[in-house]
Amino acid sequence: MFAKPLPRKRGAAVAVAAATGMLLATAPAAQAAPDNCTISSGSSLSSLCTSGTGQHRIHAVLNPLDPRLPQRVVLGNWAPVGQASVASNPWGAAYVVNAWVDRTD
């Protein structure tokens, strides 16, 4: 009896390499969280980020008008870089305890 020749695996290896190359070629571009963000405070709170990718939103803590009540958290809308995130601040800038920008890429 004659032994059968071993199957060629080179074709399978080429197919795997080609598929891997396609995955690398179609990989999404690298993203960076929003940067160069500024915060404005007054009758509304806002954040504006001018570089990076992804989204940002204003996040703030306000003291209440009545000191017996708990502090209030206000959140703005998620906005892309270059657009403002805005949240209502019914009590004015004097009641802002802390404000920062949440970022996601």
PDB file of N, CA and C in Angstrom:
ATOM      1  N   MET A   1       0.819  -1.162   0.000  1.00  0.00           N
ATOM      2  CA  MET A   1       0.000   0.000   0.000  1.00  0.00           C
ATOM      3  C   MET A   1       0.874   1.241   0.000  1.00  0.00           C
ATOM      4  N   PHE A   2       0.371   2.196  -0.712  1.00  0.00           N
ATOM      5  CA  PHE A   2       1.067   3.467  -0.767  1.00  0.00           C
ATOM      6  C   PHE A   2       0.432   4.441   0.229  1.00  0.00           C
ATOM      7  N   ALA A   3       1.265   5.213   0.879  1.00  0.00           N
ATOM      8  CA  ALA A   3       0.756   6.218   1.812  1.00  0.00           C
ATOM      9  C   ALA A   3       0.217   7.410   1.028  1.00  0.00           C
ATOM     10  N   LYS A   4      -0.857   7.961   1.506  1.00  0.00           N
ATOM     11  CA  LYS A   4      -1.424   9.142   0.858  1.00  0.00           C
ATOM     12  C   LYS A   4      -0.533  10.335   1.173  1.00  0.00           C
ATOM     13  N   PRO A   5      -0.367  11.236   0.233  1.00  0.00           N
ATOM     14  CA  PRO A   5       0.420  12.432   0.536  1.00  0.00           C
ATOM     15  C   PRO A   5      -0.314  13.294   1.564  1.00  0.00           C
ATOM     16  N   LEU A   6       0.458  13.981   2.368  1.00  0.00           N
ATOM     17  CA  LEU A   6      -0.122  14.877   3.372  1.00  0.00           C
ATOM     18  C   LEU A   6      -0.819  16.045   2.675  1.00  0.00           C
ATOM     19  N   PRO A   7      -1.955  16.483   3.182  1.00  0.00           N
ATOM     20  CA  PRO A   7      -2.624  17.623   2.560  1.00  0.00           C
ATOM     21  C   PRO A   7      -1.782  18.883   2.702  1.00  0.00           C
ATOM     22  N   ARG A   8      -1.890  19.724   1.726  1.00  0.00           N
ATOM     23  CA  ARG A   8      -1.118  20.969   1.776  1.00  0.00           C
ATOM     24  C   ARG A   8      -1.827  21.973   2.664  1.00  0.00           C
ATOM     25  N   LYS A   9      -1.106  22.538   3.564  1.00  0.00           N
ATOM     26  CA  LYS A   9      -1.682  23.511   4.491  1.00  0.00           C
ATOM     27  C   LYS A   9      -1.334  24.936   4.092  1.00  0.00           C
ATOM     28  N   ARG A  10      -0.531  25.049   3.057  1.00  0.00           N
ATOM     29  CA  ARG A  10      -0.109  26.377   2.654  1.00  0.00           C
ATOM     30  C   ARG A  10      -1.299  27.225   2.223  1.00  0.00           C
ATOM     31  N   GLY A  11      -2.254  26.644   1.525  1.00  0.00           N
ATOM     32  CA  GLY A  11      -3.437  27.386   1.090  1.00  0.00           C
ATOM     33  C   GLY A  11      -4.240  27.903   2.273  1.00  0.00           C
ATOM     34  N   ALA A  12      -4.379  27.073   3.307  1.00  0.00           N
ATOM     35  CA  ALA A  12      -5.102  27.498   4.509  1.00  0.00           C
ATOM     36  C   ALA A  12      -4.356  28.619   5.213  1.00  0.00           C
ATOM     37  N   ALA A  13      -3.027  28.516   5.261  1.00  0.00           N
ATOM     38  CA  ALA A  13      -2.228  29.562   5.912  1.00  0.00           C
ATOM     39  C   ALA A  13      -2.357  30.881   5.171  1.00  0.00           C
ATOM     40  N   VAL A  14      -2.383  30.820   3.844  1.00  0.00           N
ATOM     41  CA  VAL A  14      -2.529  32.039   3.049  1.00  0.00           C
ATOM     42  C   VAL A  14      -3.903  32.666   3.305  1.00  0.00           C
ATOM     43  N   ALA A  15      -4.937  31.835   3.394  1.00  0.00           N
ATOM     44  CA  ALA A  15      -6.284  32.346   3.648  1.00  0.00           C
ATOM     45  C   ALA A  15      -6.369  33.005   5.015  1.00  0.00           C
ATOM     46  N   VAL A  16      -5.756  32.404   6.025  1.00  0.00           N
ATOM     47  CA  VAL A  16      -5.760  32.992   7.371  1.00  0.00           C
ATOM     48  C   VAL A  16      -5.003  34.310   7.370  1.00  0.00           C
ATOM     49  N   ALA A  17      -3.853  34.340   6.695  1.00  0.00           N
ATOM     50  CA  ALA A  17      -3.070  35.571   6.636  1.00  0.00           C
ATOM     51  C   ALA A  17      -3.851  36.671   5.920  1.00  0.00           C
ATOM     52  N   ALA A  18      -4.546  36.327   4.856  1.00  0.00           N
ATOM     53  CA  ALA A  18      -5.332  37.322   4.128  1.00  0.00           C
ATOM     54  C   ALA A  18      -6.475  37.853   4.985  1.00  0.00           C
ATOM     55  N   ALA A  19      -7.138  36.958   5.716  1.00  0.00           N
ATOM     56  CA  ALA A  19      -8.237  37.379   6.589  1.00  0.00           C
ATOM     57  C   ALA A  19      -7.721  38.286   7.695  1.00  0.00           C
ATOM     58  N   THR A  20      -6.570  37.957   8.257  1.00  0.00           N
ATOM     59  CA  THR A  20      -5.982  38.790   9.306  1.00  0.00           C
ATOM     60  C   THR A  20      -5.637  40.164   8.755  1.00  0.00           C
ATOM     61  N   GLY A  21      -5.096  40.194   7.553  1.00  0.00           N
ATOM     62  CA  GLY A  21      -4.772  41.474   6.926  1.00  0.00           C
ATOM     63  C   GLY A  21      -6.006  42.325   6.711  1.00  0.00           C
ATOM     64  N   MET A  22      -7.119  41.701   6.334  1.00  0.00           N
ATOM     65  CA  MET A  22      -8.361  42.440   6.146  1.00  0.00           C
ATOM     66  C   MET A  22      -8.856  43.017   7.461  1.00  0.00           C
ATOM     67  N   LEU A  23      -8.742  42.244   8.549  1.00  0.00           N
ATOM     68  CA  LEU A  23      -9.176  42.752   9.855  1.00  0.00           C
ATOM     69  C   LEU A  23      -8.341  43.947  10.265  1.00  0.00           C
ATOM     70  N   LEU A  24      -7.042  43.878  10.047  1.00  0.00           N
ATOM     71  CA  LEU A  24      -6.182  44.999  10.409  1.00  0.00           C
ATOM     72  C   LEU A  24      -6.461  46.209   9.527  1.00  0.00           C
ATOM     73  N   ALA A  25      -6.752  45.971   8.265  1.00  0.00           N
ATOM     74  CA  ALA A  25      -7.022  47.077   7.349  1.00  0.00           C
ATOM     75  C   ALA A  25      -8.335  47.774   7.671  1.00  0.00           C
ATOM     76  N   THR A  26      -9.290  47.063   8.268  1.00  0.00           N
ATOM     77  CA  THR A  26     -10.588  47.665   8.561  1.00  0.00           C
ATOM     78  C   THR A  26     -10.747  48.021  10.036  1.00  0.00           C
ATOM     79  N   ALA A  27      -9.678  47.955  10.821  1.00  0.00           N
ATOM     80  CA  ALA A  27      -9.753  48.302  12.239  1.00  0.00           C
ATOM     81  C   ALA A  27     -10.127  49.777  12.372  1.00  0.00           C
ATOM     82  N   PRO A  28     -10.924  50.127  13.390  1.00  0.00           N
ATOM     83  CA  PRO A  28     -11.313  51.531  13.553  1.00  0.00           C
ATOM     84  C   PRO A  28     -10.118  52.402  13.914  1.00  0.00           C
ATOM     85  N   ALA A  29     -10.211  53.658  13.581  1.00  0.00           N
ATOM     86  CA  ALA A  29      -9.155  54.600  13.912  1.00  0.00           C
ATOM     87  C   ALA A  29      -9.072  54.765  15.429  1.00  0.00           C
ATOM     88  N   ALA A  30      -7.876  55.020  15.895  1.00  0.00           N
ATOM     89  CA  ALA A  30      -7.681  55.219  17.334  1.00  0.00           C
ATOM     90  C   ALA A  30      -8.462  56.443  17.788  1.00  0.00           C
ATOM     91  N   GLN A  31      -9.022  56.362  18.974  1.00  0.00           N
ATOM     92  CA  GLN A  31      -9.788  57.477  19.504  1.00  0.00           C
ATOM     93  C   GLN A  31      -9.099  58.013  20.751  1.00  0.00           C
ATOM     94  N   ALA A  32      -9.302  59.255  21.013  1.00  0.00           N
ATOM     95  CA  ALA A  32      -8.774  59.891  22.200  1.00  0.00           C
ATOM     96  C   ALA A  32      -9.913  60.634  22.884  1.00  0.00           C
ATOM     97  N   ALA A  33      -9.962  60.550  24.177  1.00  0.00           N
ATOM     98  CA  ALA A  33     -11.022  61.227  24.920  1.00  0.00           C
ATOM     99  C   ALA A  33     -10.987  62.722  24.620  1.00  0.00           C
ATOM    100  N   PRO A  34     -12.136  63.389  24.710  1.00  0.00           N
ATOM    101  CA  PRO A  34     -12.173  64.837  24.481  1.00  0.00           C
ATOM    102  C   PRO A  34     -11.172  65.568  25.372  1.00  0.00           C
ATOM    103  N   ASP A  35     -10.618  66.639  24.849  1.00  0.00           N
ATOM    104  CA  ASP A  35      -9.591  67.399  25.570  1.00  0.00           C
ATOM    105  C   ASP A  35      -9.801  68.885  25.307  1.00  0.00           C
ATOM    106  N   ASN A  36      -9.011  69.712  25.956  1.00  0.00           N
ATOM    107  CA  ASN A  36      -9.135  71.178  25.862  1.00  0.00           C
ATOM    108  C   ASN A  36     -10.551  71.608  26.194  1.00  0.00           C
ATOM    109  N   CYS A  37     -11.031  71.156  27.343  1.00  0.00           N
ATOM    110  CA  CYS A  37     -12.412  71.435  27.745  1.00  0.00           C
ATOM    111  C   CYS A  37     -12.471  72.654  28.658  1.00  0.00           C
ATOM    112  N   THR A  38     -13.496  73.459  28.460  1.00  0.00           N
ATOM    113  CA  THR A  38     -13.744  74.613  29.323  1.00  0.00           C
ATOM    114  C   THR A  38     -15.135  74.494  29.926  1.00  0.00           C
ATOM    115  N   ILE A  39     -15.312  75.105  31.080  1.00  0.00           N
ATOM    116  CA  ILE A  39     -16.592  75.097  31.791  1.00  0.00           C
ATOM    117  C   ILE A  39     -17.052  76.536  31.969  1.00  0.00           C
ATOM    118  N   SER A  40     -18.329  76.778  31.699  1.00  0.00           N
ATOM    119  CA  SER A  40     -18.940  78.090  31.937  1.00  0.00           C
ATOM    120  C   SER A  40     -20.062  77.914  32.949  1.00  0.00           C
ATOM    121  N   SER A  41     -20.178  78.885  33.853  1.00  0.00           N
ATOM    122  CA  SER A  41     -21.181  78.793  34.909  1.00  0.00           C
ATOM    123  C   SER A  41     -21.956  80.096  35.001  1.00  0.00           C
ATOM    124  N   GLY A  42     -23.252  79.978  35.232  1.00  0.00           N
ATOM    125  CA  GLY A  42     -24.147  81.116  35.375  1.00  0.00           C
ATOM    126  C   GLY A  42     -25.544  80.573  35.584  1.00  0.00           C
ATOM    127  N   SER A  43     -26.528  81.093  34.848  1.00  0.00           N
ATOM    128  CA  SER A  43     -27.885  80.556  34.951  1.00  0.00           C
ATOM    129  C   SER A  43     -27.976  79.184  34.293  1.00  0.00           C
ATOM    130  N   SER A  44     -26.957  78.828  33.527  1.00  0.00           N
ATOM    131  CA  SER A  44     -26.796  77.460  33.033  1.00  0.00           C
ATOM    132  C   SER A  44     -25.324  77.106  33.166  1.00  0.00           C
ATOM    133  N   LEU A  45     -25.055  75.830  33.146  1.00  0.00           N
ATOM    134  CA  LEU A  45     -23.682  75.334  33.192  1.00  0.00           C
ATOM    135  C   LEU A  45     -23.404  74.712  31.836  1.00  0.00           C
ATOM    136  N   SER A  46     -22.183  74.860  31.343  1.00  0.00           N
ATOM    137  CA  SER A  46     -21.864  74.230  30.071  1.00  0.00           C
ATOM    138  C   SER A  46     -20.403  73.824  30.016  1.00  0.00           C
ATOM    139  N   SER A  47     -20.149  72.827  29.192  1.00  0.00           N
ATOM    140  CA  SER A  47     -18.775  72.424  28.902  1.00  0.00           C
ATOM    141  C   SER A  47     -18.615  72.421  27.393  1.00  0.00           C
ATOM    142  N   LEU A  48     -17.409  72.733  26.953  1.00  0.00           N
ATOM    143  CA  LEU A  48     -17.088  72.698  25.532  1.00  0.00           C
ATOM    144  C   LEU A  48     -15.675  72.148  25.401  1.00  0.00           C
ATOM    145  N   CYS A  49     -15.530  71.050  24.652  1.00  0.00           N
ATOM    146  CA  CYS A  49     -14.226  70.444  24.388  1.00  0.00           C
ATOM    147  C   CYS A  49     -13.905  70.666  22.919  1.00  0.00           C
ATOM    148  N   THR A  50     -12.654  71.036  22.633  1.00  0.00           N
ATOM    149  CA  THR A  50     -12.303  71.411  21.257  1.00  0.00           C
ATOM    150  C   THR A  50     -11.335  70.465  20.574  1.00  0.00           C
ATOM    151  N   SER A  51     -10.876  69.410  21.257  1.00  0.00           N
ATOM    152  CA  SER A  51      -9.996  68.450  20.585  1.00  0.00           C
ATOM    153  C   SER A  51     -10.297  67.044  21.080  1.00  0.00           C
ATOM    154  N   GLY A  52      -9.743  66.062  20.375  1.00  0.00           N
ATOM    155  CA  GLY A  52     -10.010  64.664  20.693  1.00  0.00           C
ATOM    156  C   GLY A  52     -11.247  64.185  19.957  1.00  0.00           C
ATOM    157  N   THR A  53     -11.723  63.016  20.353  1.00  0.00           N
ATOM    158  CA  THR A  53     -12.931  62.443  19.768  1.00  0.00           C
ATOM    159  C   THR A  53     -13.830  61.992  20.905  1.00  0.00           C
ATOM    160  N   GLY A  54     -14.945  61.443  20.593  1.00  0.00           N
ATOM    161  CA  GLY A  54     -15.850  60.959  21.622  1.00  0.00           C
ATOM    162  C   GLY A  54     -16.828  62.034  22.050  1.00  0.00           C
ATOM    163  N   GLN A  55     -17.293  61.914  23.286  1.00  0.00           N
ATOM    164  CA  GLN A  55     -18.313  62.826  23.793  1.00  0.00           C
ATOM    165  C   GLN A  55     -17.954  63.303  25.196  1.00  0.00           C
ATOM    166  N   HIS A  56     -18.605  64.379  25.596  1.00  0.00           N
ATOM    167  CA  HIS A  56     -18.393  64.959  26.929  1.00  0.00           C
ATOM    168  C   HIS A  56     -19.728  65.472  27.451  1.00  0.00           C
ATOM    169  N   ARG A  57     -19.793  65.697  28.771  1.00  0.00           N
ATOM    170  CA  ARG A  57     -20.964  66.343  29.359  1.00  0.00           C
ATOM    171  C   ARG A  57     -20.537  67.084  30.622  1.00  0.00           C
ATOM    172  N   ILE A  58     -21.261  68.144  30.913  1.00  0.00           N
ATOM    173  CA  ILE A  58     -21.036  68.896  32.141  1.00  0.00           C
ATOM    174  C   ILE A  58     -21.648  68.121  33.298  1.00  0.00           C
ATOM    175  N   HIS A  59     -20.976  68.130  34.424  1.00  0.00           N
ATOM    176  CA  HIS A  59     -21.412  67.422  35.631  1.00  0.00           C
ATOM    177  C   HIS A  59     -21.129  68.374  36.797  1.00  0.00           C
ATOM    178  N   ALA A  60     -22.137  68.685  37.585  1.00  0.00           N
ATOM    179  CA  ALA A  60     -21.940  69.660  38.661  1.00  0.00           C
ATOM    180  C   ALA A  60     -22.734  69.277  39.906  1.00  0.00           C
ATOM    181  N   VAL A  61     -22.272  69.805  41.027  1.00  0.00           N
ATOM    182  CA  VAL A  61     -22.965  69.663  42.311  1.00  0.00           C
ATOM    183  C   VAL A  61     -23.328  71.068  42.772  1.00  0.00           C
ATOM    184  N   LEU A  62     -24.605  71.261  43.136  1.00  0.00           N
ATOM    185  CA  LEU A  62     -25.094  72.566  43.590  1.00  0.00           C
ATOM    186  C   LEU A  62     -25.539  72.485  45.040  1.00  0.00           C
ATOM    187  N   ASN A  63     -25.262  73.543  45.792  1.00  0.00           N
ATOM    188  CA  ASN A  63     -25.858  73.670  47.118  1.00  0.00           C
ATOM    189  C   ASN A  63     -27.309  74.100  46.933  1.00  0.00           C
ATOM    190  N   PRO A  64     -28.210  73.628  47.790  1.00  0.00           N
ATOM    191  CA  PRO A  64     -29.615  74.033  47.665  1.00  0.00           C
ATOM    192  C   PRO A  64     -29.838  75.435  48.226  1.00  0.00           C
ATOM    193  N   LEU A  65     -30.970  76.025  47.873  1.00  0.00           N
ATOM    194  CA  LEU A  65     -31.326  77.319  48.454  1.00  0.00           C
ATOM    195  C   LEU A  65     -31.551  77.186  49.957  1.00  0.00           C
ATOM    196  N   ASP A  66     -32.173  76.088  50.364  1.00  0.00           N
ATOM    197  CA  ASP A  66     -32.416  75.802  51.776  1.00  0.00           C
ATOM    198  C   ASP A  66     -31.302  74.878  52.268  1.00  0.00           C
ATOM    199  N   PRO A  67     -30.434  75.337  53.183  1.00  0.00           N
ATOM    200  CA  PRO A  67     -29.291  74.531  53.623  1.00  0.00           C
ATOM    201  C   PRO A  67     -29.686  73.224  54.333  1.00  0.00           C
ATOM    202  N   ARG A  68     -30.946  73.059  54.690  1.00  0.00           N
ATOM    203  CA  ARG A  68     -31.376  71.804  55.316  1.00  0.00           C
ATOM    204  C   ARG A  68     -31.572  70.695  54.289  1.00  0.00           C
ATOM    205  N   LEU A  69     -31.638  71.057  53.014  1.00  0.00           N
ATOM    206  CA  LEU A  69     -31.852  70.085  51.947  1.00  0.00           C
ATOM    207  C   LEU A  69     -30.510  69.559  51.424  1.00  0.00           C
ATOM    208  N   PRO A  70     -30.512  68.388  50.787  1.00  0.00           N
ATOM    209  CA  PRO A  70     -29.255  67.845  50.250  1.00  0.00           C
ATOM    210  C   PRO A  70     -28.793  68.589  49.003  1.00  0.00           C
ATOM    211  N   GLN A  71     -27.538  68.418  48.699  1.00  0.00           N
ATOM    212  CA  GLN A  71     -26.999  69.006  47.475  1.00  0.00           C
ATOM    213  C   GLN A  71     -27.670  68.373  46.258  1.00  0.00           C
ATOM    214  N   ARG A  72     -27.622  69.094  45.165  1.00  0.00           N
ATOM    215  CA  ARG A  72     -28.264  68.629  43.928  1.00  0.00           C
ATOM    216  C   ARG A  72     -27.194  68.376  42.869  1.00  0.00           C
ATOM    217  N   VAL A  73     -27.297  67.243  42.183  1.00  0.00           N
ATOM    218  CA  VAL A  73     -26.402  66.924  41.072  1.00  0.00           C
ATOM    219  C   VAL A  73     -27.109  67.280  39.771  1.00  0.00           C
ATOM    220  N   VAL A  74     -26.410  67.985  38.902  1.00  0.00           N
ATOM    221  CA  VAL A  74     -26.967  68.305  37.585  1.00  0.00           C
ATOM    222  C   VAL A  74     -26.029  67.751  36.520  1.00  0.00           C
ATOM    223  N   LEU A  75     -26.628  67.197  35.470  1.00  0.00           N
ATOM    224  CA  LEU A  75     -25.878  66.618  34.362  1.00  0.00           C
ATOM    225  C   LEU A  75     -26.349  67.240  33.058  1.00  0.00           C
ATOM    226  N   GLY A  76     -25.398  67.546  32.188  1.00  0.00           N
ATOM    227  CA  GLY A  76     -25.741  68.025  30.862  1.00  0.00           C
ATOM    228  C   GLY A  76     -25.924  66.861  29.907  1.00  0.00           C
ATOM    229  N   ASN A  77     -26.282  67.200  28.690  1.00  0.00           N
ATOM    230  CA  ASN A  77     -26.413  66.201  27.637  1.00  0.00           C
ATOM    231  C   ASN A  77     -25.025  65.744  27.177  1.00  0.00           C
ATOM    232  N   TRP A  78     -24.921  64.514  26.675  1.00  0.00           N
ATOM    233  CA  TRP A  78     -23.676  64.073  26.048  1.00  0.00           C
ATOM    234  C   TRP A  78     -23.573  64.795  24.711  1.00  0.00           C
ATOM    235  N   ALA A  79     -22.432  65.420  24.461  1.00  0.00           N
ATOM    236  CA  ALA A  79     -22.239  66.186  23.232  1.00  0.00           C
ATOM    237  C   ALA A  79     -20.911  65.805  22.582  1.00  0.00           C
ATOM    238  N   PRO A  80     -20.848  65.801  21.262  1.00  0.00           N
ATOM    239  CA  PRO A  80     -19.583  65.518  20.584  1.00  0.00           C
ATOM    240  C   PRO A  80     -18.616  66.691  20.732  1.00  0.00           C
ATOM    241  N   VAL A  81     -17.351  66.416  20.474  1.00  0.00           N
ATOM    242  CA  VAL A  81     -16.329  67.467  20.500  1.00  0.00           C
ATOM    243  C   VAL A  81     -16.747  68.573  19.541  1.00  0.00           C
ATOM    244  N   GLY A  82     -16.604  69.814  19.997  1.00  0.00           N
ATOM    245  CA  GLY A  82     -16.980  70.964  19.180  1.00  0.00           C
ATOM    246  C   GLY A  82     -18.373  71.490  19.456  1.00  0.00           C
ATOM    247  N   GLN A  83     -19.178  70.728  20.202  1.00  0.00           N
ATOM    248  CA  GLN A  83     -20.516  71.181  20.573  1.00  0.00           C
ATOM    249  C   GLN A  83     -20.599  71.259  22.101  1.00  0.00           C
ATOM    250  N   ALA A  84     -21.434  72.152  22.596  1.00  0.00           N
ATOM    251  CA  ALA A  84     -21.551  72.371  24.038  1.00  0.00           C
ATOM    252  C   ALA A  84     -22.515  71.370  24.683  1.00  0.00           C
ATOM    253  N   SER A  85     -22.177  70.969  25.902  1.00  0.00           N
ATOM    254  CA  SER A  85     -23.094  70.228  26.765  1.00  0.00           C
ATOM    255  C   SER A  85     -23.642  71.245  27.750  1.00  0.00           C
ATOM    256  N   VAL A  86     -24.957  71.275  27.918  1.00  0.00           N
ATOM    257  CA  VAL A  86     -25.579  72.316  28.742  1.00  0.00           C
ATOM    258  C   VAL A  86     -26.494  71.689  29.785  1.00  0.00           C
ATOM    259  N   ALA A  87     -26.445  72.243  31.003  1.00  0.00           N
ATOM    260  CA  ALA A  87     -27.338  71.827  32.084  1.00  0.00           C
ATOM    261  C   ALA A  87     -27.914  73.075  32.736  1.00  0.00           C
ATOM    262  N   SER A  88     -29.133  72.965  33.190  1.00  0.00           N
ATOM    263  CA  SER A  88     -29.794  74.083  33.862  1.00  0.00           C
ATOM    264  C   SER A  88     -29.203  74.291  35.256  1.00  0.00           C
ATOM    265  N   ASN A  89     -29.057  75.544  35.638  1.00  0.00           N
ATOM    266  CA  ASN A  89     -28.597  75.903  36.966  1.00  0.00           C
ATOM    267  C   ASN A  89     -29.579  76.941  37.516  1.00  0.00           C
ATOM    268  N   PRO A  90     -30.678  76.491  38.126  1.00  0.00           N
ATOM    269  CA  PRO A  90     -31.738  77.418  38.523  1.00  0.00           C
ATOM    270  C   PRO A  90     -31.345  78.403  39.620  1.00  0.00           C
ATOM    271  N   TRP A  91     -30.274  78.133  40.340  1.00  0.00           N
ATOM    272  CA  TRP A  91     -29.938  78.979  41.491  1.00  0.00           C
ATOM    273  C   TRP A  91     -28.767  79.918  41.238  1.00  0.00           C
ATOM    274  N   GLY A  92     -28.103  79.832  40.101  1.00  0.00           N
ATOM    275  CA  GLY A  92     -27.009  80.743  39.783  1.00  0.00           C
ATOM    276  C   GLY A  92     -25.643  80.228  40.199  1.00  0.00           C
ATOM    277  N   ALA A  93     -24.632  80.926  39.720  1.00  0.00           N
ATOM    278  CA  ALA A  93     -23.240  80.507  39.896  1.00  0.00           C
ATOM    279  C   ALA A  93     -22.803  80.408  41.354  1.00  0.00           C
ATOM    280  N   ALA A  94     -23.385  81.209  42.236  1.00  0.00           N
ATOM    281  CA  ALA A  94     -22.980  81.213  43.643  1.00  0.00           C
ATOM    282  C   ALA A  94     -23.277  79.886  44.348  1.00  0.00           C
ATOM    283  N   TYR A  95     -24.155  79.072  43.785  1.00  0.00           N
ATOM    284  CA  TYR A  95     -24.538  77.813  44.423  1.00  0.00           C
ATOM    285  C   TYR A  95     -23.779  76.599  43.882  1.00  0.00           C
ATOM    286  N   VAL A  96     -22.878  76.819  42.937  1.00  0.00           N
ATOM    287  CA  VAL A  96     -22.091  75.711  42.383  1.00  0.00           C
ATOM    288  C   VAL A  96     -20.987  75.351  43.369  1.00  0.00           C
ATOM    289  N   VAL A  97     -21.014  74.106  43.850  1.00  0.00           N
ATOM    290  CA  VAL A  97     -19.983  73.617  44.761  1.00  0.00           C
ATOM    291  C   VAL A  97     -18.794  73.107  43.965  1.00  0.00           C
ATOM    292  N   ASN A  98     -19.080  72.347  42.918  1.00  0.00           N
ATOM    293  CA  ASN A  98     -18.033  71.756  42.103  1.00  0.00           C
ATOM    294  C   ASN A  98     -18.607  71.460  40.718  1.00  0.00           C
ATOM    295  N   ALA A  99     -17.789  71.606  39.702  1.00  0.00           N
ATOM    296  CA  ALA A  99     -18.216  71.278  38.337  1.00  0.00           C
ATOM    297  C   ALA A  99     -17.031  70.663  37.605  1.00  0.00           C
ATOM    298  N   TRP A 100     -17.303  69.655  36.786  1.00  0.00           N
ATOM    299  CA  TRP A 100     -16.260  69.003  36.011  1.00  0.00           C
ATOM    300  C   TRP A 100     -16.866  68.461  34.723  1.00  0.00           C
ATOM    301  N   VAL A 101     -16.003  67.933  33.867  1.00  0.00           N
ATOM    302  CA  VAL A 101     -16.433  67.402  32.579  1.00  0.00           C
ATOM    303  C   VAL A 101     -16.255  65.883  32.582  1.00  0.00           C
ATOM    304  N   ASP A 102     -17.346  65.152  32.329  1.00  0.00           N
ATOM    305  CA  ASP A 102     -17.261  63.708  32.110  1.00  0.00           C
ATOM    306  C   ASP A 102     -16.886  63.511  30.646  1.00  0.00           C
ATOM    307  N   ARG A 103     -15.992  62.555  30.380  1.00  0.00           N
ATOM    308  CA  ARG A 103     -15.520  62.329  29.014  1.00  0.00           C
ATOM    309  C   ARG A 103     -15.569  60.846  28.676  1.00  0.00           C
ATOM    310  N   THR A 104     -15.898  60.545  27.441  1.00  0.00           N
ATOM    311  CA  THR A 104     -15.868  59.176  26.949  1.00  0.00           C
ATOM    312  C   THR A 104     -15.401  59.182  25.497  1.00  0.00           C
ATOM    313  N   ASP A 105     -14.646  58.152  25.129  1.00  0.00           N
ATOM    314  CA  ASP A 105     -14.187  58.088  23.733  1.00  0.00           C
ATOM    315  C   ASP A 105     -14.840  56.975  22.982  1.00  0.00           C
TER     316      ASP A 105
END
